[in-house]
Amino acid sequence: MVVDTFASLPKYIKEESAGQHVDGAYDPGTGQIYLVANAITSKRHALRVLAHEAVGHYSMEAMLGNEFQGILKKVNLLKRVGGKRINEIAAEVDRRYEGLSEDAAAAEVIAVMAEKGIRNSVMKRVYAAIRKFLKKDRVPADVHHE
C-alpha cells in the first residue's frame, strides 16, 4: 500500500519509527507492506524499498516459519565471529535504526541484503527456504540466487 506521508502510517509504526527516516514499513500483524510516497525518490528506490520489505520481512517471517529463527541465529553468529560483509551491513542497520534487539537487527540485516541483492551463504539459505515453502504448497517457483 502506498501512503502519501509518514503521518499516514499506522500509529504503532510511527511510534516505533519516531525520529527515523522511513520510506517503507512492514506490519507483521496484518501482513501489509507500506511505501511512503514522499520519501521515495525514484522508481529504482521504490523497487529497493519493496524488496527490503517484501523479501526481507514479509517472505522471511511468513514463509520461513521455524527456519527464520535459525537464519537469525546464523546472522548473529556471523556478526560475533567478525564476518566482514555481515558486519558492514550490521553497521548500516545500526545507523538506520537505533535500539533494535539482537534478533530485530539480524532481521534488518537480512532485509538489507535482500534490498541490495547480496548473494552469500545466508541469502542462499533464505532463498532455499522460500523455494521449499513454495514447493510444499505446489507453487511453481524459479527463485535462483546462487
N, C-alpha and C. Protein backbone atom coordinates (compact mmCIF):
# COMPACT_ATOMS: atom_id res chain seq x y z
N MET A 1 0.85 -1.16 0.00
CA MET A 1 0.00 0.00 0.00
C MET A 1 0.90 1.23 0.00
N VAL A 2 0.56 2.17 -0.84
CA VAL A 2 1.31 3.41 -0.89
C VAL A 2 0.56 4.46 -0.07
N VAL A 3 1.27 5.08 0.86
CA VAL A 3 0.71 6.19 1.65
C VAL A 3 1.45 7.45 1.26
N ASP A 4 0.78 8.59 1.40
CA ASP A 4 1.39 9.85 0.96
C ASP A 4 2.59 10.26 1.81
N THR A 5 2.42 10.15 3.14
CA THR A 5 3.46 10.66 4.04
C THR A 5 3.62 9.72 5.23
N PHE A 6 4.67 9.94 5.98
CA PHE A 6 4.91 9.20 7.23
C PHE A 6 3.70 9.31 8.15
N ALA A 7 3.07 10.46 8.20
CA ALA A 7 1.91 10.69 9.07
C ALA A 7 0.74 9.77 8.73
N SER A 8 0.72 9.22 7.51
CA SER A 8 -0.37 8.34 7.07
C SER A 8 -0.18 6.89 7.51
N LEU A 9 0.97 6.57 8.08
CA LEU A 9 1.23 5.20 8.53
C LEU A 9 0.43 4.90 9.79
N PRO A 10 0.18 3.61 10.08
CA PRO A 10 -0.49 3.25 11.33
C PRO A 10 0.28 3.80 12.54
N LYS A 11 -0.46 4.11 13.58
CA LYS A 11 0.09 4.77 14.77
C LYS A 11 1.28 4.03 15.36
N TYR A 12 1.17 2.70 15.54
CA TYR A 12 2.27 1.99 16.21
C TYR A 12 3.53 1.97 15.34
N ILE A 13 3.39 1.97 14.03
CA ILE A 13 4.58 2.03 13.16
C ILE A 13 5.25 3.39 13.32
N LYS A 14 4.45 4.46 13.39
CA LYS A 14 5.01 5.80 13.59
C LYS A 14 5.73 5.87 14.93
N GLU A 15 5.14 5.27 15.97
CA GLU A 15 5.76 5.30 17.29
C GLU A 15 7.07 4.53 17.31
N GLU A 16 7.11 3.36 16.66
CA GLU A 16 8.35 2.56 16.61
C GLU A 16 9.42 3.25 15.80
N SER A 17 9.02 4.06 14.84
CA SER A 17 9.96 4.67 13.90
C SER A 17 10.24 6.14 14.18
N ALA A 18 9.78 6.64 15.30
CA ALA A 18 9.93 8.06 15.61
C ALA A 18 11.38 8.50 15.48
N GLY A 19 11.59 9.59 14.77
CA GLY A 19 12.92 10.16 14.62
C GLY A 19 13.76 9.50 13.54
N GLN A 20 13.21 8.49 12.86
CA GLN A 20 13.97 7.81 11.81
C GLN A 20 13.40 8.19 10.44
N HIS A 21 14.24 8.10 9.42
CA HIS A 21 13.76 8.28 8.05
C HIS A 21 13.05 6.99 7.65
N VAL A 22 11.80 7.08 7.24
CA VAL A 22 11.03 5.89 6.86
C VAL A 22 10.55 6.05 5.43
N ASP A 23 10.99 5.12 4.57
CA ASP A 23 10.50 5.12 3.19
C ASP A 23 9.60 3.91 2.94
N GLY A 24 9.59 2.98 3.90
CA GLY A 24 8.72 1.82 3.80
C GLY A 24 8.61 1.13 5.14
N ALA A 25 7.58 0.30 5.28
CA ALA A 25 7.39 -0.42 6.54
C ALA A 25 6.61 -1.70 6.27
N TYR A 26 6.78 -2.65 7.17
CA TYR A 26 6.04 -3.91 7.11
C TYR A 26 5.31 -4.09 8.44
N ASP A 27 4.02 -4.40 8.36
CA ASP A 27 3.20 -4.64 9.55
C ASP A 27 3.00 -6.15 9.68
N PRO A 28 3.74 -6.81 10.59
CA PRO A 28 3.61 -8.26 10.72
C PRO A 28 2.23 -8.70 11.22
N GLY A 29 1.51 -7.83 11.88
CA GLY A 29 0.17 -8.17 12.36
C GLY A 29 -0.84 -8.34 11.24
N THR A 30 -0.70 -7.52 10.20
CA THR A 30 -1.65 -7.57 9.08
C THR A 30 -1.03 -8.12 7.80
N GLY A 31 0.31 -8.18 7.76
CA GLY A 31 0.99 -8.59 6.54
C GLY A 31 1.07 -7.47 5.51
N GLN A 32 0.68 -6.28 5.89
CA GLN A 32 0.65 -5.14 4.97
C GLN A 32 2.04 -4.51 4.83
N ILE A 33 2.40 -4.21 3.60
CA ILE A 33 3.64 -3.50 3.30
C ILE A 33 3.26 -2.08 2.90
N TYR A 34 3.96 -1.11 3.44
CA TYR A 34 3.72 0.29 3.15
C TYR A 34 4.92 0.91 2.45
N LEU A 35 4.67 1.70 1.42
CA LEU A 35 5.67 2.56 0.80
C LEU A 35 5.24 3.99 1.06
N VAL A 36 6.17 4.84 1.50
CA VAL A 36 5.86 6.22 1.82
C VAL A 36 6.23 7.09 0.61
N ALA A 37 5.21 7.56 -0.10
CA ALA A 37 5.40 8.23 -1.39
C ALA A 37 6.36 9.41 -1.33
N ASN A 38 6.21 10.28 -0.34
CA ASN A 38 7.06 11.48 -0.34
C ASN A 38 8.49 11.18 0.13
N ALA A 39 8.78 9.93 0.51
CA ALA A 39 10.14 9.54 0.88
C ALA A 39 10.82 8.74 -0.24
N ILE A 40 10.07 8.41 -1.27
CA ILE A 40 10.60 7.63 -2.39
C ILE A 40 11.06 8.59 -3.47
N THR A 41 12.31 8.45 -3.89
CA THR A 41 12.90 9.41 -4.82
C THR A 41 12.89 8.98 -6.28
N SER A 42 12.67 7.69 -6.54
CA SER A 42 12.69 7.21 -7.92
C SER A 42 12.04 5.83 -7.99
N LYS A 43 11.80 5.38 -9.21
CA LYS A 43 11.25 4.04 -9.40
C LYS A 43 12.23 3.00 -8.83
N ARG A 44 13.50 3.19 -9.08
CA ARG A 44 14.52 2.26 -8.56
C ARG A 44 14.50 2.22 -7.03
N HIS A 45 14.37 3.38 -6.40
CA HIS A 45 14.29 3.47 -4.95
C HIS A 45 13.06 2.71 -4.46
N ALA A 46 11.91 2.89 -5.14
CA ALA A 46 10.69 2.18 -4.76
C ALA A 46 10.89 0.67 -4.83
N LEU A 47 11.55 0.20 -5.87
CA LEU A 47 11.79 -1.23 -6.02
C LEU A 47 12.72 -1.76 -4.92
N ARG A 48 13.73 -0.97 -4.53
CA ARG A 48 14.63 -1.37 -3.43
C ARG A 48 13.86 -1.47 -2.12
N VAL A 49 13.00 -0.48 -1.86
CA VAL A 49 12.22 -0.49 -0.63
C VAL A 49 11.27 -1.68 -0.63
N LEU A 50 10.64 -1.93 -1.77
CA LEU A 50 9.73 -3.07 -1.87
C LEU A 50 10.48 -4.38 -1.65
N ALA A 51 11.67 -4.53 -2.21
CA ALA A 51 12.47 -5.74 -1.99
C ALA A 51 12.81 -5.88 -0.52
N HIS A 52 13.18 -4.79 0.12
CA HIS A 52 13.52 -4.81 1.54
C HIS A 52 12.33 -5.28 2.36
N GLU A 53 11.17 -4.69 2.14
CA GLU A 53 10.00 -5.02 2.94
C GLU A 53 9.41 -6.38 2.57
N ALA A 54 9.28 -6.66 1.27
CA ALA A 54 8.62 -7.89 0.83
C ALA A 54 9.48 -9.13 1.02
N VAL A 55 10.72 -9.08 0.56
CA VAL A 55 11.60 -10.25 0.69
C VAL A 55 12.21 -10.28 2.08
N GLY A 56 12.72 -9.15 2.51
CA GLY A 56 13.44 -9.10 3.77
C GLY A 56 12.58 -9.27 5.00
N HIS A 57 11.33 -8.88 4.93
CA HIS A 57 10.46 -9.00 6.10
C HIS A 57 9.30 -9.96 5.85
N TYR A 58 8.42 -9.61 4.93
CA TYR A 58 7.21 -10.39 4.73
C TYR A 58 7.52 -11.86 4.42
N SER A 59 8.29 -12.10 3.38
CA SER A 59 8.52 -13.50 2.99
C SER A 59 9.33 -14.25 4.04
N MET A 60 10.26 -13.54 4.65
CA MET A 60 11.06 -14.20 5.68
C MET A 60 10.19 -14.70 6.82
N GLU A 61 9.38 -13.85 7.35
CA GLU A 61 8.59 -14.22 8.51
C GLU A 61 7.42 -15.11 8.14
N ALA A 62 6.74 -14.81 7.04
CA ALA A 62 5.55 -15.57 6.66
C ALA A 62 5.89 -16.94 6.10
N MET A 63 6.90 -17.02 5.28
CA MET A 63 7.20 -18.28 4.61
C MET A 63 8.15 -19.18 5.37
N LEU A 64 9.07 -18.62 6.11
CA LEU A 64 10.12 -19.43 6.68
C LEU A 64 9.76 -20.05 8.03
N GLY A 65 8.79 -19.48 8.70
CA GLY A 65 8.35 -20.06 9.96
C GLY A 65 9.50 -20.35 10.90
N ASN A 66 9.62 -21.60 11.33
CA ASN A 66 10.66 -22.00 12.29
C ASN A 66 12.07 -21.81 11.75
N GLU A 67 12.25 -21.91 10.44
CA GLU A 67 13.59 -21.74 9.87
C GLU A 67 14.09 -20.31 10.02
N PHE A 68 13.17 -19.37 10.18
CA PHE A 68 13.54 -17.97 10.32
C PHE A 68 14.45 -17.77 11.53
N GLN A 69 14.12 -18.40 12.65
CA GLN A 69 14.93 -18.26 13.86
C GLN A 69 16.35 -18.80 13.64
N GLY A 70 16.49 -19.90 12.91
CA GLY A 70 17.80 -20.45 12.61
C GLY A 70 18.64 -19.51 11.76
N ILE A 71 17.99 -18.83 10.82
CA ILE A 71 18.71 -17.89 9.97
C ILE A 71 19.13 -16.67 10.78
N LEU A 72 18.26 -16.21 11.69
CA LEU A 72 18.63 -15.09 12.57
C LEU A 72 19.84 -15.48 13.41
N LYS A 73 19.85 -16.70 13.93
CA LYS A 73 20.98 -17.16 14.73
C LYS A 73 22.26 -17.17 13.91
N LYS A 74 22.16 -17.58 12.64
CA LYS A 74 23.35 -17.61 11.79
C LYS A 74 23.88 -16.19 11.57
N VAL A 75 22.99 -15.24 11.33
CA VAL A 75 23.42 -13.86 11.14
C VAL A 75 24.11 -13.35 12.41
N ASN A 76 23.49 -13.62 13.56
CA ASN A 76 24.08 -13.16 14.84
C ASN A 76 25.43 -13.82 15.09
N LEU A 77 25.58 -15.09 14.75
CA LEU A 77 26.86 -15.78 14.89
C LEU A 77 27.91 -15.15 13.99
N LEU A 78 27.55 -14.90 12.73
CA LEU A 78 28.49 -14.29 11.80
C LEU A 78 28.92 -12.90 12.27
N LYS A 79 28.00 -12.16 12.87
CA LYS A 79 28.36 -10.84 13.42
C LYS A 79 29.38 -11.00 14.56
N ARG A 80 29.18 -12.01 15.40
CA ARG A 80 30.08 -12.20 16.54
C ARG A 80 31.47 -12.68 16.12
N VAL A 81 31.54 -13.50 15.07
CA VAL A 81 32.85 -14.02 14.65
C VAL A 81 33.54 -13.10 13.66
N GLY A 82 32.91 -12.00 13.34
CA GLY A 82 33.58 -10.99 12.52
C GLY A 82 33.42 -11.16 11.03
N GLY A 83 32.28 -11.68 10.57
CA GLY A 83 32.03 -11.75 9.13
C GLY A 83 32.01 -10.34 8.54
N LYS A 84 32.97 -10.06 7.65
CA LYS A 84 33.18 -8.69 7.18
C LYS A 84 31.92 -8.09 6.54
N ARG A 85 31.33 -8.77 5.57
CA ARG A 85 30.17 -8.21 4.86
C ARG A 85 28.98 -8.08 5.81
N ILE A 86 28.75 -9.09 6.65
CA ILE A 86 27.65 -9.02 7.61
C ILE A 86 27.85 -7.83 8.55
N ASN A 87 29.08 -7.64 9.03
CA ASN A 87 29.34 -6.53 9.95
C ASN A 87 29.20 -5.16 9.29
N GLU A 88 29.55 -5.07 8.01
CA GLU A 88 29.33 -3.81 7.28
C GLU A 88 27.84 -3.50 7.21
N ILE A 89 27.05 -4.51 6.90
CA ILE A 89 25.61 -4.31 6.81
C ILE A 89 25.02 -4.06 8.19
N ALA A 90 25.52 -4.76 9.21
CA ALA A 90 25.04 -4.54 10.58
C ALA A 90 25.32 -3.10 11.01
N ALA A 91 26.46 -2.56 10.62
CA ALA A 91 26.78 -1.16 10.95
C ALA A 91 25.81 -0.22 10.24
N GLU A 92 25.46 -0.54 9.01
CA GLU A 92 24.48 0.25 8.27
C GLU A 92 23.11 0.19 8.96
N VAL A 93 22.73 -1.01 9.40
CA VAL A 93 21.45 -1.18 10.11
C VAL A 93 21.46 -0.36 11.40
N ASP A 94 22.58 -0.39 12.12
CA ASP A 94 22.68 0.40 13.36
C ASP A 94 22.52 1.89 13.09
N ARG A 95 23.04 2.35 11.93
CA ARG A 95 22.89 3.77 11.58
C ARG A 95 21.43 4.09 11.21
N ARG A 96 20.78 3.15 10.51
CA ARG A 96 19.39 3.37 10.06
C ARG A 96 18.40 3.30 11.22
N TYR A 97 18.60 2.32 12.11
CA TYR A 97 17.61 2.03 13.15
C TYR A 97 18.31 1.95 14.49
N GLU A 98 17.89 2.76 15.42
CA GLU A 98 18.51 2.75 16.74
C GLU A 98 17.75 1.85 17.70
N GLY A 99 18.48 1.19 18.60
CA GLY A 99 17.87 0.47 19.71
C GLY A 99 17.16 -0.82 19.37
N LEU A 100 17.53 -1.48 18.28
CA LEU A 100 16.89 -2.75 17.94
C LEU A 100 17.43 -3.88 18.81
N SER A 101 16.58 -4.86 19.09
CA SER A 101 17.05 -6.06 19.76
C SER A 101 17.98 -6.81 18.81
N GLU A 102 18.72 -7.78 19.34
CA GLU A 102 19.66 -8.55 18.51
C GLU A 102 18.94 -9.23 17.34
N ASP A 103 17.79 -9.86 17.61
CA ASP A 103 17.06 -10.55 16.54
C ASP A 103 16.44 -9.56 15.55
N ALA A 104 15.91 -8.44 16.04
CA ALA A 104 15.34 -7.44 15.14
C ALA A 104 16.43 -6.87 14.23
N ALA A 105 17.62 -6.64 14.79
CA ALA A 105 18.75 -6.15 13.98
C ALA A 105 19.16 -7.20 12.95
N ALA A 106 19.17 -8.48 13.34
CA ALA A 106 19.52 -9.55 12.40
C ALA A 106 18.50 -9.62 11.27
N ALA A 107 17.22 -9.44 11.60
CA ALA A 107 16.17 -9.44 10.57
C ALA A 107 16.38 -8.27 9.61
N GLU A 108 16.77 -7.12 10.14
CA GLU A 108 17.05 -5.96 9.29
C GLU A 108 18.27 -6.21 8.41
N VAL A 109 19.29 -6.91 8.95
CA VAL A 109 20.47 -7.25 8.14
C VAL A 109 20.02 -8.09 6.93
N ILE A 110 19.16 -9.07 7.17
CA ILE A 110 18.66 -9.91 6.08
C ILE A 110 17.87 -9.06 5.09
N ALA A 111 17.04 -8.17 5.60
CA ALA A 111 16.24 -7.31 4.72
C ALA A 111 17.14 -6.42 3.86
N VAL A 112 18.19 -5.88 4.45
CA VAL A 112 19.12 -5.04 3.69
C VAL A 112 19.85 -5.87 2.63
N MET A 113 20.24 -7.10 2.98
CA MET A 113 20.88 -7.95 1.98
C MET A 113 19.92 -8.23 0.82
N ALA A 114 18.63 -8.47 1.11
CA ALA A 114 17.64 -8.69 0.06
C ALA A 114 17.49 -7.42 -0.80
N GLU A 115 17.42 -6.28 -0.13
CA GLU A 115 17.28 -4.99 -0.81
C GLU A 115 18.43 -4.76 -1.77
N LYS A 116 19.66 -5.15 -1.37
CA LYS A 116 20.85 -4.89 -2.17
C LYS A 116 21.18 -6.03 -3.14
N GLY A 117 20.39 -7.10 -3.09
CA GLY A 117 20.66 -8.23 -3.98
C GLY A 117 21.93 -8.97 -3.65
N ILE A 118 22.32 -8.96 -2.37
CA ILE A 118 23.55 -9.64 -1.95
C ILE A 118 23.35 -11.15 -2.00
N ARG A 119 24.37 -11.83 -2.48
CA ARG A 119 24.34 -13.29 -2.59
C ARG A 119 25.44 -13.85 -1.73
N ASN A 120 25.05 -14.46 -0.63
CA ASN A 120 26.02 -15.10 0.27
C ASN A 120 25.35 -16.32 0.89
N SER A 121 26.04 -16.96 1.83
CA SER A 121 25.51 -18.20 2.41
C SER A 121 24.19 -17.96 3.14
N VAL A 122 24.03 -16.82 3.78
CA VAL A 122 22.78 -16.53 4.48
C VAL A 122 21.64 -16.41 3.48
N MET A 123 21.86 -15.65 2.43
CA MET A 123 20.80 -15.44 1.45
C MET A 123 20.51 -16.72 0.66
N LYS A 124 21.53 -17.54 0.43
CA LYS A 124 21.27 -18.83 -0.22
C LYS A 124 20.32 -19.66 0.64
N ARG A 125 20.54 -19.62 1.95
CA ARG A 125 19.66 -20.35 2.87
C ARG A 125 18.25 -19.76 2.86
N VAL A 126 18.16 -18.45 2.78
CA VAL A 126 16.85 -17.77 2.71
C VAL A 126 16.11 -18.22 1.45
N TYR A 127 16.78 -18.13 0.30
CA TYR A 127 16.11 -18.48 -0.94
C TYR A 127 15.79 -19.97 -1.02
N ALA A 128 16.64 -20.81 -0.45
CA ALA A 128 16.33 -22.25 -0.40
C ALA A 128 15.08 -22.50 0.43
N ALA A 129 14.95 -21.81 1.54
CA ALA A 129 13.76 -21.97 2.39
C ALA A 129 12.51 -21.45 1.69
N ILE A 130 12.64 -20.37 0.94
CA ILE A 130 11.49 -19.85 0.18
C ILE A 130 11.08 -20.86 -0.88
N ARG A 131 12.08 -21.43 -1.60
CA ARG A 131 11.76 -22.44 -2.62
C ARG A 131 11.06 -23.63 -1.98
N LYS A 132 11.54 -24.07 -0.82
CA LYS A 132 10.94 -25.20 -0.10
C LYS A 132 9.48 -24.88 0.25
N PHE A 133 9.25 -23.68 0.75
CA PHE A 133 7.89 -23.26 1.10
C PHE A 133 6.98 -23.30 -0.12
N LEU A 134 7.45 -22.73 -1.22
CA LEU A 134 6.64 -22.67 -2.43
C LEU A 134 6.38 -24.06 -2.99
N LYS A 135 7.40 -24.91 -2.95
CA LYS A 135 7.25 -26.28 -3.45
C LYS A 135 6.24 -27.06 -2.61
N LYS A 136 6.29 -26.86 -1.30
CA LYS A 136 5.37 -27.54 -0.39
C LYS A 136 3.93 -27.19 -0.75
N ASP A 137 3.69 -25.95 -1.12
CA ASP A 137 2.35 -25.52 -1.48
C ASP A 137 2.08 -25.65 -2.98
N ARG A 138 2.99 -26.35 -3.67
CA ARG A 138 2.87 -26.63 -5.10
C ARG A 138 2.75 -25.37 -5.94
N VAL A 139 3.47 -24.36 -5.54
CA VAL A 139 3.54 -23.13 -6.31
C VAL A 139 4.82 -23.22 -7.14
N PRO A 140 4.72 -23.11 -8.47
CA PRO A 140 5.94 -23.15 -9.27
C PRO A 140 6.84 -21.97 -8.88
N ALA A 141 8.07 -22.28 -8.58
CA ALA A 141 8.98 -21.22 -8.14
C ALA A 141 10.30 -21.31 -8.88
N ASP A 142 10.72 -20.19 -9.38
CA ASP A 142 12.03 -20.10 -10.01
C ASP A 142 12.81 -19.05 -9.26
N VAL A 143 13.16 -19.38 -8.01
CA VAL A 143 13.89 -18.46 -7.14
C VAL A 143 15.33 -18.91 -7.15
N HIS A 144 16.15 -18.27 -7.96
CA HIS A 144 17.55 -18.66 -8.07
C HIS A 144 18.45 -17.49 -7.73
N HIS A 145 19.11 -17.58 -6.61
CA HIS A 145 20.12 -16.60 -6.20
C HIS A 145 21.32 -17.40 -5.73
N GLU A 146 22.17 -17.75 -6.67
CA GLU A 146 23.31 -18.60 -6.33
C GLU A 146 24.60 -17.87 -6.46
